[in-house]
Amino acid sequence: MALCVSASTNPDGSLQLVPDPSKTDLGTCSYVLQSGAEVAESSLANLTPAQGLEISMSVCALWALAWGIKQVAKTLKGIGNEEIE
């Protein structure tokens, strides 16, 4: 179960997380402490193959777009550097 926690500074400068039971809405918390099971449920290891494919294709498409923009910039830069006789 996720808990709202607040951070307090110890005299030695370290931070300590203190549960705040007065806050029940996790959206209003400064910090949310999750259990190990909750973290494991939301990890990338639980992706389906279709979800993994979607993410990898998005990354590849973004890379290809950036490469294309770089090539256009190189071409335009080369056109401006030609000598006129």
Protein backbone atom coordinates (compact mmCIF):
# COMPACT_ATOMS: atom_id res chain seq x y z
CA MET A 1 0.00 0.00 0.00
CA ALA A 2 1.38 3.39 -0.98
CA LEU A 3 1.85 5.94 1.79
CA CYS A 4 2.26 9.68 1.84
CA VAL A 5 5.52 10.60 3.50
CA SER A 6 7.23 13.85 4.31
CA ALA A 7 10.96 14.42 4.41
CA SER A 8 12.61 15.82 7.51
CA THR A 9 16.25 16.75 7.84
CA ASN A 10 18.25 15.16 10.65
CA PRO A 11 20.90 17.15 12.54
CA ASP A 12 23.63 15.36 10.58
CA GLY A 13 22.12 16.58 7.28
CA SER A 14 20.59 13.29 6.19
CA LEU A 15 16.95 13.03 5.20
CA GLN A 16 14.40 10.91 7.00
CA LEU A 17 11.05 9.94 5.51
CA VAL A 18 8.22 10.17 8.02
CA PRO A 19 4.79 8.67 7.20
CA ASP A 20 1.99 11.23 7.09
CA PRO A 21 -1.27 9.37 7.81
CA SER A 22 -3.32 12.59 7.67
CA LYS A 23 -3.02 12.70 3.87
CA THR A 24 -5.08 10.10 2.08
CA ASP A 25 -4.95 11.55 -1.44
CA LEU A 26 -1.66 10.48 -3.02
CA GLY A 27 -1.92 13.30 -5.55
CA THR A 28 -1.32 15.89 -2.85
CA CYS A 29 1.74 14.20 -1.33
CA SER A 30 5.23 15.56 -1.73
CA TYR A 31 6.62 12.02 -1.63
CA VAL A 32 4.93 8.66 -2.08
CA LEU A 33 6.44 5.51 -0.59
CA GLN A 34 5.54 2.30 -2.42
CA SER A 35 5.98 -1.29 -1.35
CA GLY A 36 8.25 -3.61 -3.28
CA ALA A 37 5.27 -5.39 -4.83
CA GLU A 38 3.85 -2.10 -6.13
CA VAL A 39 7.18 -1.16 -7.67
CA ALA A 40 7.52 -4.61 -9.27
CA GLU A 41 4.06 -4.31 -10.82
CA SER A 42 4.96 -1.07 -12.54
CA SER A 43 8.41 -2.04 -13.82
CA LEU A 44 9.45 -2.39 -17.45
CA ALA A 45 9.95 -6.13 -16.90
CA ASN A 46 6.19 -6.61 -16.92
CA LEU A 47 5.69 -5.33 -20.45
CA THR A 48 3.98 -7.56 -22.96
CA PRO A 49 5.88 -8.23 -26.20
CA ALA A 50 3.49 -5.91 -28.03
CA GLN A 51 4.17 -3.09 -25.57
CA GLY A 52 7.92 -3.66 -25.82
CA LEU A 53 7.70 -3.58 -29.61
CA GLU A 54 5.72 -0.34 -29.48
CA ILE A 55 8.32 1.33 -27.27
CA SER A 56 11.26 0.09 -29.35
CA MET A 57 9.63 1.20 -32.60
CA SER A 58 8.99 4.64 -31.11
CA VAL A 59 12.65 4.93 -30.11
CA CYS A 60 13.78 3.81 -33.58
CA ALA A 61 11.41 6.27 -35.27
CA LEU A 62 12.70 9.11 -33.12
CA TRP A 63 16.29 8.15 -33.91
CA ALA A 64 15.51 8.02 -37.65
CA LEU A 65 13.84 11.42 -37.51
CA ALA A 66 16.85 12.94 -35.74
CA TRP A 67 19.21 11.34 -38.27
CA GLY A 68 17.13 12.72 -41.14
CA ILE A 69 17.15 16.22 -39.68
CA LYS A 70 20.92 15.96 -39.26
CA GLN A 71 21.34 14.95 -42.91
CA VAL A 72 19.17 17.83 -44.11
CA ALA A 73 21.18 20.26 -41.98
CA LYS A 74 24.44 18.87 -43.40
CA THR A 75 23.12 19.24 -46.94
CA LEU A 76 21.97 22.80 -46.38
CA LYS A 77 25.27 23.69 -44.75
CA GLY A 78 27.15 22.23 -47.73
CA ILE A 79 25.07 24.19 -50.23
CA GLY A 80 25.94 27.47 -48.54
CA ASN A 81 29.69 26.75 -48.58
CA GLU A 82 30.05 26.32 -52.36
CA GLU A 83 32.26 28.84 -54.11
CA ILE A 84 30.75 30.93 -56.89
CA GLU A 85 33.01 31.51 -59.91
